[in-house]
Amino acid sequence: MKVRNLLAISIGLIFTSAFHAQETTTSAAPIEITERLNIPGPLKFGENEFFLALSKQNSPTWVQQQYIMRDDELSNYKELINISYFDKEIDMETAIRQKVDFVEKRRSKDKYTFVEVTESPDGKEIIVDYLTTETPNEGEPYAEYNLDRFKSFDTGEKKSFIIFSYSKRIAGDLKYSSKSLSKDRGRLMETAIKTAIPPVTYKPTEVDKKKK
């Protein structure tokens, strides 16, 4: 697992800010959404605005919220922000290793896949960014670039953990779309570095029932 310091890719930028199991639902965004993290919206990533499209209480201590652009849809998004908030302490090294192992297992079947780990200058935040491709049974094949920011919080009274993730997809020829995303990687990394992780106020709710 290769680890780079953020200074190597972005001298002078301030890291502003944070186990992400990114779930892409195939259902349409609900009409009414319970905001469980009390995050002011819309979120901004670069010049684009992202609006809350899903909020899910996966477990008593894990909330997941997803945001998409106004004219996008969760079932076939072009860009997406996922926030996974854990109301407990999680070992960052273990979470990162699980993510890296997940991506590396794809390499034998996906020749375009790559994964890299980058550490913030203060060592308090880690970025795992990676590219994968998919050929669904229906619809066009696509390449997907993901960027996961792992961050732990400790207020002295409480410990929590956030994974702030950005995802971008390009459909069509896999060679072309993978190359295009790879070329855009530097800009997206820089945008992530400049983007502050939004403040969270957790409001526990009943765990959502799993779909059968």
N, C-alpha and C. Protein backbone atom coordinates (compact mmCIF):
# COMPACT_ATOMS: atom_id res chain seq x y z
N MET A 1 0.85 -1.18 0.00
CA MET A 1 0.00 0.00 0.00
C MET A 1 0.88 1.23 0.00
N LYS A 2 0.83 2.01 -1.03
CA LYS A 2 1.67 3.18 -1.17
C LYS A 2 1.04 4.37 -0.47
N VAL A 3 1.85 5.07 0.33
CA VAL A 3 1.36 6.23 1.04
C VAL A 3 2.19 7.45 0.65
N ARG A 4 1.53 8.52 0.23
CA ARG A 4 2.21 9.76 -0.08
C ARG A 4 1.77 10.83 0.89
N ASN A 5 2.64 11.81 1.14
CA ASN A 5 2.23 12.97 1.92
C ASN A 5 1.57 13.97 1.00
N LEU A 6 0.53 14.63 1.49
CA LEU A 6 -0.17 15.60 0.65
C LEU A 6 0.72 16.73 0.18
N LEU A 7 1.79 17.02 0.92
CA LEU A 7 2.68 18.08 0.49
C LEU A 7 3.31 17.77 -0.85
N ALA A 8 3.43 16.49 -1.18
CA ALA A 8 4.04 16.10 -2.43
C ALA A 8 3.17 16.43 -3.62
N ILE A 9 1.88 16.58 -3.39
CA ILE A 9 0.98 16.87 -4.51
C ILE A 9 0.39 18.26 -4.44
N SER A 10 0.53 18.94 -3.31
CA SER A 10 -0.10 20.24 -3.21
C SER A 10 0.62 21.12 -2.19
N ILE A 11 1.78 21.65 -2.54
CA ILE A 11 2.55 22.50 -1.65
C ILE A 11 1.76 23.78 -1.35
N GLY A 12 1.66 24.11 -0.09
CA GLY A 12 1.05 25.37 0.30
C GLY A 12 -0.45 25.32 0.53
N LEU A 13 -1.11 24.24 0.11
CA LEU A 13 -2.54 24.14 0.36
C LEU A 13 -2.79 23.73 1.81
N ILE A 14 -3.83 24.26 2.41
CA ILE A 14 -4.18 23.91 3.79
C ILE A 14 -5.23 22.82 3.77
N PHE A 15 -4.97 21.76 4.55
CA PHE A 15 -5.96 20.68 4.64
C PHE A 15 -7.05 21.11 5.60
N THR A 16 -8.19 21.56 5.07
CA THR A 16 -9.21 22.25 5.85
C THR A 16 -10.18 21.34 6.58
N SER A 17 -10.08 20.30 6.43
CA SER A 17 -11.26 19.87 7.06
C SER A 17 -11.59 20.81 8.10
N ALA A 18 -13.49 12.67 6.81
CA ALA A 18 -12.91 13.03 7.37
C ALA A 18 -12.44 11.95 6.84
N PHE A 19 -14.72 4.19 8.13
CA PHE A 19 -14.78 3.05 7.18
C PHE A 19 -15.95 3.41 6.32
N HIS A 20 -15.76 3.85 5.01
CA HIS A 20 -16.84 4.20 4.10
C HIS A 20 -17.26 2.97 3.37
N ALA A 21 -18.54 2.56 3.56
CA ALA A 21 -19.11 1.50 2.76
C ALA A 21 -20.06 2.20 1.82
N GLN A 22 -19.54 2.64 0.67
CA GLN A 22 -20.39 3.44 -0.22
C GLN A 22 -21.49 2.61 -0.82
N GLU A 23 -22.70 3.03 -0.56
CA GLU A 23 -23.87 2.33 -1.06
C GLU A 23 -24.54 3.20 -2.08
N THR A 24 -24.72 2.68 -3.28
CA THR A 24 -25.45 3.42 -4.30
C THR A 24 -26.81 2.77 -4.47
N THR A 25 -27.82 3.46 -4.01
CA THR A 25 -29.15 2.89 -4.09
C THR A 25 -29.69 2.94 -5.50
N THR A 26 -30.53 1.99 -5.85
CA THR A 26 -31.11 1.98 -7.19
C THR A 26 -32.50 2.59 -7.20
N SER A 27 -32.94 3.05 -6.04
CA SER A 27 -34.26 3.66 -5.97
C SER A 27 -34.16 5.16 -6.17
N ALA A 28 -35.26 5.77 -6.55
CA ALA A 28 -35.27 7.21 -6.76
C ALA A 28 -35.19 7.92 -5.41
N ALA A 29 -34.72 9.16 -5.44
CA ALA A 29 -34.61 9.92 -4.20
C ALA A 29 -36.00 10.11 -3.58
N PRO A 30 -36.12 9.89 -2.28
CA PRO A 30 -37.43 10.03 -1.64
C PRO A 30 -37.89 11.48 -1.65
N ILE A 31 -39.21 11.67 -1.57
CA ILE A 31 -39.76 13.02 -1.59
C ILE A 31 -39.40 13.74 -0.29
N GLU A 32 -39.53 13.03 0.84
CA GLU A 32 -39.17 13.60 2.12
C GLU A 32 -38.00 12.83 2.69
N ILE A 33 -36.99 13.55 3.12
CA ILE A 33 -35.77 12.91 3.64
C ILE A 33 -35.51 13.41 5.05
N THR A 34 -35.27 12.49 5.97
CA THR A 34 -34.94 12.85 7.33
C THR A 34 -33.47 13.22 7.41
N GLU A 35 -33.17 14.46 7.72
CA GLU A 35 -31.79 14.92 7.85
C GLU A 35 -31.26 14.51 9.22
N ARG A 36 -30.41 13.48 9.25
CA ARG A 36 -29.93 12.92 10.51
C ARG A 36 -28.63 13.53 11.01
N LEU A 37 -27.94 14.26 10.17
CA LEU A 37 -26.64 14.80 10.55
C LEU A 37 -26.65 16.33 10.67
N ASN A 38 -27.80 16.93 10.40
CA ASN A 38 -27.96 18.38 10.56
C ASN A 38 -26.86 19.15 9.82
N ILE A 39 -26.61 18.76 8.57
CA ILE A 39 -25.60 19.41 7.76
C ILE A 39 -26.24 20.50 6.90
N PRO A 40 -25.78 21.72 6.99
CA PRO A 40 -26.32 22.78 6.14
C PRO A 40 -26.08 22.46 4.67
N GLY A 41 -27.07 22.66 3.84
CA GLY A 41 -26.92 22.36 2.42
C GLY A 41 -27.37 23.53 1.56
N PRO A 42 -27.11 23.47 0.27
CA PRO A 42 -26.46 22.33 -0.39
C PRO A 42 -24.95 22.32 -0.13
N LEU A 43 -24.32 21.15 -0.34
CA LEU A 43 -22.87 21.03 -0.24
C LEU A 43 -22.25 21.51 -1.54
N LYS A 44 -21.03 22.01 -1.45
CA LYS A 44 -20.31 22.43 -2.64
C LYS A 44 -19.03 21.62 -2.78
N PHE A 45 -18.78 21.18 -4.00
CA PHE A 45 -17.51 20.52 -4.33
C PHE A 45 -17.03 21.18 -5.61
N GLY A 46 -16.02 22.00 -5.51
CA GLY A 46 -15.62 22.80 -6.65
C GLY A 46 -16.71 23.82 -6.93
N GLU A 47 -17.14 23.89 -8.18
CA GLU A 47 -18.18 24.83 -8.58
C GLU A 47 -19.58 24.22 -8.52
N ASN A 48 -19.68 22.93 -8.22
CA ASN A 48 -20.97 22.24 -8.26
C ASN A 48 -21.63 22.18 -6.89
N GLU A 49 -22.97 22.27 -6.89
CA GLU A 49 -23.75 22.12 -5.67
C GLU A 49 -24.38 20.74 -5.62
N PHE A 50 -24.42 20.16 -4.43
CA PHE A 50 -24.97 18.82 -4.23
C PHE A 50 -26.07 18.88 -3.18
N PHE A 51 -27.19 18.21 -3.49
CA PHE A 51 -28.37 18.26 -2.64
C PHE A 51 -28.65 16.89 -2.03
N LEU A 52 -29.12 16.90 -0.78
CA LEU A 52 -29.39 15.65 -0.06
C LEU A 52 -30.42 14.81 -0.81
N ALA A 53 -30.05 13.55 -1.10
CA ALA A 53 -30.94 12.65 -1.84
C ALA A 53 -31.23 11.38 -1.06
N LEU A 54 -30.45 11.08 -0.03
CA LEU A 54 -30.67 9.88 0.76
C LEU A 54 -30.08 10.07 2.15
N SER A 55 -30.81 9.65 3.17
CA SER A 55 -30.30 9.64 4.53
C SER A 55 -30.75 8.33 5.16
N LYS A 56 -29.80 7.56 5.67
CA LYS A 56 -30.11 6.20 6.13
C LYS A 56 -29.40 5.89 7.43
N GLN A 57 -30.17 5.40 8.42
CA GLN A 57 -29.60 4.93 9.67
C GLN A 57 -29.29 3.44 9.50
N ASN A 58 -28.05 3.13 9.14
CA ASN A 58 -27.66 1.75 8.86
C ASN A 58 -27.54 0.91 10.12
N SER A 59 -27.16 1.53 11.23
CA SER A 59 -27.03 0.85 12.52
C SER A 59 -27.21 1.91 13.59
N PRO A 60 -27.27 1.51 14.87
CA PRO A 60 -27.45 2.52 15.92
C PRO A 60 -26.36 3.59 15.94
N THR A 61 -25.19 3.29 15.36
CA THR A 61 -24.08 4.25 15.41
C THR A 61 -23.56 4.65 14.03
N TRP A 62 -24.23 4.27 12.96
CA TRP A 62 -23.76 4.58 11.61
C TRP A 62 -24.86 5.19 10.76
N VAL A 63 -24.66 6.43 10.36
CA VAL A 63 -25.57 7.13 9.47
C VAL A 63 -24.87 7.41 8.15
N GLN A 64 -25.61 7.23 7.08
CA GLN A 64 -25.09 7.47 5.74
C GLN A 64 -25.99 8.46 5.01
N GLN A 65 -25.39 9.49 4.45
CA GLN A 65 -26.14 10.46 3.65
C GLN A 65 -25.46 10.65 2.30
N GLN A 66 -26.29 10.74 1.25
CA GLN A 66 -25.77 10.91 -0.10
C GLN A 66 -26.36 12.15 -0.74
N TYR A 67 -25.54 12.81 -1.53
CA TYR A 67 -25.89 14.06 -2.16
C TYR A 67 -25.58 13.99 -3.65
N ILE A 68 -26.47 14.53 -4.46
CA ILE A 68 -26.27 14.55 -5.90
C ILE A 68 -26.58 15.95 -6.43
N MET A 69 -26.17 16.22 -7.67
CA MET A 69 -26.48 17.50 -8.30
C MET A 69 -27.96 17.56 -8.66
N ARG A 70 -28.47 18.73 -8.84
CA ARG A 70 -29.90 18.95 -8.98
C ARG A 70 -30.55 18.10 -10.06
N ASP A 71 -29.92 17.98 -11.21
CA ASP A 71 -30.51 17.25 -12.33
C ASP A 71 -30.00 15.82 -12.45
N ASP A 72 -29.31 15.34 -11.42
CA ASP A 72 -28.77 13.98 -11.45
C ASP A 72 -29.74 13.04 -10.73
N GLU A 73 -29.43 11.73 -10.74
CA GLU A 73 -30.25 10.76 -10.03
C GLU A 73 -29.36 9.70 -9.42
N LEU A 74 -29.80 9.17 -8.27
CA LEU A 74 -28.97 8.20 -7.54
C LEU A 74 -28.74 6.92 -8.33
N SER A 75 -29.73 6.50 -9.08
CA SER A 75 -29.62 5.22 -9.78
C SER A 75 -28.60 5.26 -10.92
N ASN A 76 -28.27 6.46 -11.38
CA ASN A 76 -27.34 6.57 -12.51
C ASN A 76 -26.65 7.93 -12.45
N TYR A 77 -26.01 8.20 -11.33
CA TYR A 77 -25.43 9.52 -11.10
C TYR A 77 -24.16 9.75 -11.92
N LYS A 78 -23.87 11.03 -12.11
CA LYS A 78 -22.59 11.42 -12.72
C LYS A 78 -21.58 11.79 -11.65
N GLU A 79 -22.06 12.48 -10.62
CA GLU A 79 -21.21 12.84 -9.49
C GLU A 79 -22.02 12.68 -8.21
N LEU A 80 -21.35 12.27 -7.14
CA LEU A 80 -22.05 11.99 -5.88
C LEU A 80 -21.13 12.26 -4.70
N ILE A 81 -21.70 12.77 -3.62
CA ILE A 81 -20.99 12.89 -2.36
C ILE A 81 -21.67 11.97 -1.34
N ASN A 82 -20.88 11.16 -0.68
CA ASN A 82 -21.38 10.26 0.36
C ASN A 82 -20.70 10.60 1.68
N ILE A 83 -21.50 10.77 2.73
CA ILE A 83 -20.96 10.99 4.06
C ILE A 83 -21.39 9.85 4.96
N SER A 84 -20.42 9.12 5.48
CA SER A 84 -20.69 8.07 6.45
C SER A 84 -20.18 8.55 7.80
N TYR A 85 -21.11 8.69 8.75
CA TYR A 85 -20.76 9.15 10.09
C TYR A 85 -20.93 8.01 11.08
N PHE A 86 -19.89 7.77 11.87
CA PHE A 86 -19.91 6.71 12.88
C PHE A 86 -19.84 7.35 14.26
N ASP A 87 -20.86 7.14 15.05
CA ASP A 87 -20.95 7.73 16.39
C ASP A 87 -20.20 6.86 17.40
N LYS A 88 -18.97 6.56 17.08
CA LYS A 88 -18.11 5.74 17.93
C LYS A 88 -16.69 5.82 17.38
N GLU A 89 -15.76 5.29 18.15
CA GLU A 89 -14.37 5.28 17.71
C GLU A 89 -14.14 4.13 16.72
N ILE A 90 -13.46 4.42 15.62
CA ILE A 90 -13.10 3.40 14.64
C ILE A 90 -11.61 3.54 14.34
N ASP A 91 -10.93 2.43 14.28
CA ASP A 91 -9.50 2.44 13.98
C ASP A 91 -9.29 2.82 12.52
N MET A 92 -8.65 3.95 12.27
CA MET A 92 -8.49 4.45 10.91
C MET A 92 -7.65 3.51 10.06
N GLU A 93 -6.59 2.97 10.62
CA GLU A 93 -5.72 2.09 9.86
C GLU A 93 -6.47 0.85 9.36
N THR A 94 -7.32 0.30 10.21
CA THR A 94 -8.11 -0.87 9.82
C THR A 94 -9.10 -0.52 8.72
N ALA A 95 -9.76 0.64 8.87
CA ALA A 95 -10.74 1.07 7.87
C ALA A 95 -10.08 1.27 6.51
N ILE A 96 -8.91 1.87 6.51
CA ILE A 96 -8.20 2.13 5.25
C ILE A 96 -7.75 0.82 4.62
N ARG A 97 -7.22 -0.08 5.43
CA ARG A 97 -6.78 -1.38 4.91
C ARG A 97 -7.94 -2.13 4.28
N GLN A 98 -9.11 -2.09 4.89
CA GLN A 98 -10.27 -2.77 4.33
C GLN A 98 -10.64 -2.19 2.96
N LYS A 99 -10.58 -0.87 2.86
CA LYS A 99 -10.90 -0.22 1.58
C LYS A 99 -9.86 -0.58 0.51
N VAL A 100 -8.60 -0.50 0.86
CA VAL A 100 -7.54 -0.82 -0.11
C VAL A 100 -7.62 -2.27 -0.55
N ASP A 101 -7.84 -3.18 0.40
CA ASP A 101 -7.95 -4.61 0.06
C ASP A 101 -9.13 -4.84 -0.89
N PHE A 102 -10.24 -4.16 -0.65
CA PHE A 102 -11.42 -4.29 -1.50
C PHE A 102 -11.10 -3.91 -2.94
N VAL A 103 -10.39 -2.81 -3.12
CA VAL A 103 -10.06 -2.35 -4.47
C VAL A 103 -9.02 -3.24 -5.12
N GLU A 104 -8.00 -3.64 -4.35
CA GLU A 104 -6.93 -4.44 -4.93
C GLU A 104 -7.42 -5.80 -5.41
N LYS A 105 -8.47 -6.33 -4.78
CA LYS A 105 -9.02 -7.62 -5.20
C LYS A 105 -9.64 -7.54 -6.59
N ARG A 106 -9.95 -6.34 -7.04
CA ARG A 106 -10.56 -6.17 -8.35
C ARG A 106 -9.53 -6.18 -9.49
N ARG A 107 -8.28 -6.02 -9.17
CA ARG A 107 -7.27 -5.84 -10.19
C ARG A 107 -7.14 -7.01 -11.15
N SER A 108 -7.38 -8.21 -10.67
CA SER A 108 -7.25 -9.39 -11.54
C SER A 108 -8.31 -9.40 -12.64
N LYS A 109 -9.43 -8.70 -12.41
CA LYS A 109 -10.52 -8.68 -13.39
C LYS A 109 -10.71 -7.30 -14.03
N ASP A 110 -10.09 -6.30 -13.46
CA ASP A 110 -10.28 -4.93 -13.93
C ASP A 110 -8.92 -4.28 -14.17
N LYS A 111 -8.48 -4.27 -15.41
CA LYS A 111 -7.13 -3.79 -15.73
C LYS A 111 -6.96 -2.29 -15.55
N TYR A 112 -8.04 -1.57 -15.42
CA TYR A 112 -7.95 -0.12 -15.26
C TYR A 112 -7.91 0.32 -13.80
N THR A 113 -8.08 -0.61 -12.88
CA THR A 113 -8.16 -0.29 -11.46
C THR A 113 -6.82 0.18 -10.90
N PHE A 114 -6.87 1.22 -10.06
CA PHE A 114 -5.71 1.62 -9.27
C PHE A 114 -6.21 2.13 -7.93
N VAL A 115 -5.32 2.15 -6.93
CA VAL A 115 -5.66 2.69 -5.63
C VAL A 115 -4.41 3.30 -5.02
N GLU A 116 -4.58 4.42 -4.34
CA GLU A 116 -3.45 5.07 -3.69
C GLU A 116 -3.91 5.71 -2.39
N VAL A 117 -3.00 5.75 -1.42
CA VAL A 117 -3.29 6.31 -0.11
C VAL A 117 -2.42 7.55 0.11
N THR A 118 -3.04 8.63 0.56
CA THR A 118 -2.34 9.89 0.77
C THR A 118 -2.62 10.40 2.17
N GLU A 119 -1.58 10.82 2.86
CA GLU A 119 -1.71 11.29 4.25
C GLU A 119 -1.60 12.80 4.31
N SER A 120 -2.41 13.43 5.15
CA SER A 120 -2.31 14.86 5.36
C SER A 120 -1.01 15.19 6.09
N PRO A 121 -0.51 16.43 5.96
CA PRO A 121 0.74 16.79 6.62
C PRO A 121 0.74 16.58 8.12
N ASP A 122 -0.42 16.77 8.78
CA ASP A 122 -0.47 16.61 10.23
C ASP A 122 -0.77 15.17 10.65
N GLY A 123 -1.02 14.28 9.65
CA GLY A 123 -1.26 12.87 9.95
C GLY A 123 -2.61 12.56 10.53
N LYS A 124 -3.51 13.55 10.55
CA LYS A 124 -4.82 13.36 11.17
C LYS A 124 -5.90 12.94 10.20
N GLU A 125 -5.58 12.99 8.92
CA GLU A 125 -6.57 12.64 7.90
C GLU A 125 -5.90 11.88 6.78
N ILE A 126 -6.62 10.90 6.23
CA ILE A 126 -6.10 10.07 5.15
C ILE A 126 -7.08 10.09 3.99
N ILE A 127 -6.54 10.17 2.78
CA ILE A 127 -7.35 10.05 1.57
C ILE A 127 -7.00 8.74 0.87
N VAL A 128 -8.01 7.96 0.53
CA VAL A 128 -7.85 6.80 -0.34
C VAL A 128 -8.58 7.12 -1.63
N ASP A 129 -7.84 7.20 -2.74
CA ASP A 129 -8.52 7.44 -4.01
C ASP A 129 -8.25 6.28 -4.94
N TYR A 130 -9.25 5.95 -5.75
CA TYR A 130 -9.15 4.75 -6.58
C TYR A 130 -10.08 4.83 -7.77
N LEU A 131 -9.79 4.03 -8.77
CA LEU A 131 -10.60 3.96 -9.98
C LEU A 131 -10.99 2.52 -10.25
N THR A 132 -12.25 2.32 -10.60
CA THR A 132 -12.76 1.00 -10.97
C THR A 132 -13.64 1.15 -12.21
N THR A 133 -13.94 0.03 -12.86
CA THR A 133 -14.87 0.06 -13.99
C THR A 133 -15.96 -0.98 -13.77
N GLU A 134 -17.11 -0.73 -14.39
CA GLU A 134 -18.25 -1.63 -14.28
C GLU A 134 -18.88 -1.84 -15.65
N THR A 135 -19.33 -3.06 -15.91
CA THR A 135 -20.09 -3.36 -17.12
C THR A 135 -21.41 -3.98 -16.68
N PRO A 136 -22.43 -3.15 -16.43
CA PRO A 136 -23.71 -3.65 -15.92
C PRO A 136 -24.46 -4.47 -16.96
N ASN A 137 -25.42 -5.26 -16.48
CA ASN A 137 -26.25 -6.06 -17.40
C ASN A 137 -27.10 -5.17 -18.29
N GLU A 138 -27.49 -4.02 -17.75
CA GLU A 138 -28.27 -3.06 -18.52
C GLU A 138 -27.56 -1.71 -18.50
N GLY A 139 -27.59 -1.01 -19.59
CA GLY A 139 -26.96 0.29 -19.65
C GLY A 139 -25.51 0.22 -20.10
N GLU A 140 -24.90 1.38 -20.25
CA GLU A 140 -23.53 1.47 -20.73
C GLU A 140 -22.51 1.10 -19.66
N PRO A 141 -21.36 0.58 -20.07
CA PRO A 141 -20.27 0.40 -19.11
C PRO A 141 -19.78 1.78 -18.67
N TYR A 142 -19.15 1.83 -17.50
CA TYR A 142 -18.64 3.12 -17.03
C TYR A 142 -17.41 2.93 -16.15
N ALA A 143 -16.61 3.99 -16.12
CA ALA A 143 -15.48 4.06 -15.19
C ALA A 143 -15.90 4.96 -14.04
N GLU A 144 -15.42 4.64 -12.84
CA GLU A 144 -15.80 5.40 -11.64
C GLU A 144 -14.57 5.74 -10.82
N TYR A 145 -14.38 7.03 -10.58
CA TYR A 145 -13.29 7.49 -9.72
C TYR A 145 -13.87 7.85 -8.36
N ASN A 146 -13.27 7.33 -7.31
CA ASN A 146 -13.72 7.59 -5.95
C ASN A 146 -12.60 8.17 -5.10
N LEU A 147 -12.99 9.05 -4.22
CA LEU A 147 -12.04 9.68 -3.32
C LEU A 147 -12.64 9.67 -1.93
N ASP A 148 -12.04 8.92 -1.00
CA ASP A 148 -12.56 8.77 0.36
C ASP A 148 -11.63 9.47 1.35
N ARG A 149 -12.19 10.38 2.13
CA ARG A 149 -11.42 11.07 3.17
C ARG A 149 -11.80 10.49 4.53
N PHE A 150 -10.83 9.94 5.23
CA PHE A 150 -11.05 9.32 6.54
C PHE A 150 -10.56 10.27 7.64
N LYS A 151 -11.41 10.55 8.61
CA LYS A 151 -11.01 11.45 9.69
C LYS A 151 -11.65 11.05 11.02
N SER A 152 -10.85 11.03 12.06
CA SER A 152 -11.34 10.74 13.41
C SER A 152 -11.51 12.05 14.18
N PHE A 153 -12.50 12.05 15.09
CA PHE A 153 -12.74 13.20 15.94
C PHE A 153 -12.73 12.77 17.40
N ASP A 154 -12.14 13.58 18.27
CA ASP A 154 -12.09 13.30 19.70
C ASP A 154 -12.25 14.62 20.45
N THR A 155 -13.43 14.82 21.02
CA THR A 155 -13.69 16.07 21.74
C THR A 155 -13.29 15.98 23.20
N GLY A 156 -12.78 14.82 23.61
CA GLY A 156 -12.46 14.61 25.02
C GLY A 156 -13.59 13.91 25.74
N GLU A 157 -14.82 14.20 25.34
CA GLU A 157 -15.99 13.55 25.91
C GLU A 157 -16.54 12.48 24.98
N LYS A 158 -16.24 12.61 23.69
CA LYS A 158 -16.83 11.71 22.70
C LYS A 158 -15.89 11.52 21.52
N LYS A 159 -15.88 10.30 20.99
CA LYS A 159 -15.10 10.00 19.80
C LYS A 159 -16.03 9.60 18.67
N SER A 160 -15.71 10.05 17.47
CA SER A 160 -16.51 9.72 16.30
C SER A 160 -15.60 9.62 15.08
N PHE A 161 -16.18 9.23 13.96
CA PHE A 161 -15.39 8.96 12.76
C PHE A 161 -16.23 9.31 11.53
N ILE A 162 -15.62 9.97 10.57
CA ILE A 162 -16.31 10.36 9.34
C ILE A 162 -15.53 9.90 8.12
N ILE A 163 -16.26 9.45 7.12
CA ILE A 163 -15.69 9.22 5.79
C ILE A 163 -16.47 10.10 4.82
N PHE A 164 -15.79 11.08 4.30
CA PHE A 164 -16.37 12.00 3.32
C PHE A 164 -15.89 11.56 1.95
N SER A 165 -16.81 11.18 1.07
CA SER A 165 -16.44 10.58 -0.21
C SER A 165 -17.03 11.33 -1.39
N TYR A 166 -16.24 11.41 -2.42
CA TYR A 166 -16.69 12.00 -3.69
C TYR A 166 -16.53 10.94 -4.77
N SER A 167 -17.52 10.83 -5.66
CA SER A 167 -17.50 9.84 -6.74
C SER A 167 -17.89 10.50 -8.05
N LYS A 168 -17.17 10.15 -9.12
CA LYS A 168 -17.48 10.67 -10.45
C LYS A 168 -17.47 9.51 -11.45
N ARG A 169 -18.49 9.46 -12.30
CA ARG A 169 -18.60 8.40 -13.30
C ARG A 169 -18.59 8.98 -14.71
N ILE A 170 -17.97 8.24 -15.62
CA ILE A 170 -18.05 8.56 -17.05
C ILE A 170 -18.43 7.28 -17.78
N ALA A 171 -19.54 7.32 -18.50
CA ALA A 171 -20.02 6.14 -19.23
C ALA A 171 -19.43 6.09 -20.62
N GLY A 172 -19.42 4.87 -21.19
CA GLY A 172 -18.92 4.68 -22.55
C GLY A 172 -17.72 3.78 -22.59
N ASP A 173 -16.89 3.95 -23.61
CA ASP A 173 -15.69 3.13 -23.78
C ASP A 173 -14.83 3.18 -22.51
N LEU A 174 -14.51 2.01 -21.95
CA LEU A 174 -13.82 1.97 -20.67
C LEU A 174 -12.40 2.52 -20.73
N LYS A 175 -11.72 2.30 -21.83
CA LYS A 175 -10.36 2.81 -21.97
C LYS A 175 -10.38 4.34 -21.97
N TYR A 176 -11.28 4.90 -22.75
CA TYR A 176 -11.37 6.36 -22.84
C TYR A 176 -11.82 6.97 -21.51
N SER A 177 -12.87 6.41 -20.92
CA SER A 177 -13.41 6.99 -19.69
C SER A 177 -12.42 6.86 -18.53
N SER A 178 -11.69 5.74 -18.46
CA SER A 178 -10.69 5.57 -17.41
C SER A 178 -9.55 6.57 -17.58
N LYS A 179 -9.13 6.76 -18.81
CA LYS A 179 -8.05 7.72 -19.10
C LYS A 179 -8.48 9.14 -18.77
N SER A 180 -9.72 9.47 -19.11
CA SER A 180 -10.24 10.80 -18.83
C SER A 180 -10.29 11.08 -17.33
N LEU A 181 -10.76 10.12 -16.55
CA LEU A 181 -10.83 10.29 -15.10
C LEU A 181 -9.44 10.37 -14.49
N SER A 182 -8.50 9.58 -15.01
CA SER A 182 -7.13 9.62 -14.50
C SER A 182 -6.50 10.99 -14.72
N LYS A 183 -6.79 11.59 -15.88
CA LYS A 183 -6.26 12.92 -16.17
C LYS A 183 -6.86 13.97 -15.24
N ASP A 184 -8.09 13.75 -14.81
CA ASP A 184 -8.79 14.71 -13.96
C ASP A 184 -8.49 14.50 -12.48
N ARG A 185 -7.73 13.47 -12.18
CA ARG A 185 -7.48 13.09 -10.80
C ARG A 185 -6.81 14.20 -9.98
N GLY A 186 -5.80 14.84 -10.55
CA GLY A 186 -5.09 15.88 -9.82
C GLY A 186 -5.99 17.03 -9.42
N ARG A 187 -6.85 17.45 -10.34
CA ARG A 187 -7.78 18.55 -10.05
C ARG A 187 -8.77 18.16 -8.96
N LEU A 188 -9.28 16.92 -9.04
CA LEU A 188 -10.25 16.47 -8.05
C LEU A 188 -9.61 16.33 -6.66
N MET A 189 -8.36 15.88 -6.62
CA MET A 189 -7.65 15.80 -5.35
C MET A 189 -7.48 17.19 -4.74
N GLU A 190 -7.11 18.14 -5.57
CA GLU A 190 -6.91 19.50 -5.09
C GLU A 190 -8.22 20.09 -4.57
N THR A 191 -9.32 19.82 -5.30
CA THR A 191 -10.62 20.29 -4.86
C THR A 191 -11.00 19.68 -3.52
N ALA A 192 -10.71 18.38 -3.35
CA ALA A 192 -11.01 17.71 -2.08
C ALA A 192 -10.22 18.33 -0.93
N ILE A 193 -8.97 18.67 -1.19
CA ILE A 193 -8.12 19.27 -0.16
C ILE A 193 -8.68 20.62 0.29
N LYS A 194 -9.23 21.35 -0.66
CA LYS A 194 -9.76 22.68 -0.35
C LYS A 194 -11.17 22.64 0.24
N THR A 195 -11.83 21.50 0.13
CA THR A 195 -13.21 21.39 0.59
C THR A 195 -13.27 21.00 2.06
N ALA A 196 -13.90 21.82 2.86
CA ALA A 196 -14.02 21.52 4.29
C ALA A 196 -15.08 20.45 4.52
N ILE A 197 -14.78 19.52 5.39
CA ILE A 197 -15.78 18.53 5.78
C ILE A 197 -16.84 19.25 6.61
N PRO A 198 -18.13 19.14 6.26
CA PRO A 198 -19.17 19.90 6.96
C PRO A 198 -19.32 19.47 8.41
N PRO A 199 -19.69 20.40 9.28
CA PRO A 199 -19.93 20.06 10.69
C PRO A 199 -21.15 19.15 10.81
N VAL A 200 -21.09 18.23 11.77
CA VAL A 200 -22.15 17.25 11.96
C VAL A 200 -22.74 17.37 13.35
N THR A 201 -24.07 17.37 13.42
CA THR A 201 -24.77 17.22 14.70
C THR A 201 -25.67 16.01 14.56
N TYR A 202 -25.28 14.92 15.19
CA TYR A 202 -25.94 13.64 15.00
C TYR A 202 -27.25 13.55 15.77
N LYS A 203 -28.30 13.14 15.06
CA LYS A 203 -29.62 12.93 15.66
C LYS A 203 -30.02 11.47 15.45
N PRO A 204 -29.79 10.59 16.42
CA PRO A 204 -30.10 9.17 16.24
C PRO A 204 -31.57 8.93 15.93
N THR A 205 -31.82 7.99 15.05
CA THR A 205 -33.18 7.58 14.71
C THR A 205 -33.23 6.06 14.67
N GLU A 206 -34.42 5.52 14.47
CA GLU A 206 -34.59 4.06 14.40
C GLU A 206 -33.83 3.53 13.19
N VAL A 207 -33.18 2.39 13.35
CA VAL A 207 -32.43 1.78 12.26
C VAL A 207 -33.37 1.43 11.12
N ASP A 208 -32.98 1.81 9.90
CA ASP A 208 -33.80 1.52 8.74
C ASP A 208 -33.86 0.02 8.49
N LYS A 209 -35.04 -0.46 8.12
CA LYS A 209 -35.20 -1.87 7.83
C LYS A 209 -34.56 -2.19 6.48
N LYS A 210 -33.87 -3.33 6.43
CA LYS A 210 -33.26 -3.74 5.19
C LYS A 210 -34.30 -4.24 4.20
N LYS A 211 -34.08 -3.90 2.93
CA LYS A 211 -35.00 -4.36 1.89
C LYS A 211 -34.81 -5.83 1.63
N LYS A 212 -35.89 -6.55 1.46
CA LYS A 212 -35.80 -7.99 1.22
C LYS A 212 -35.54 -8.26 -0.25
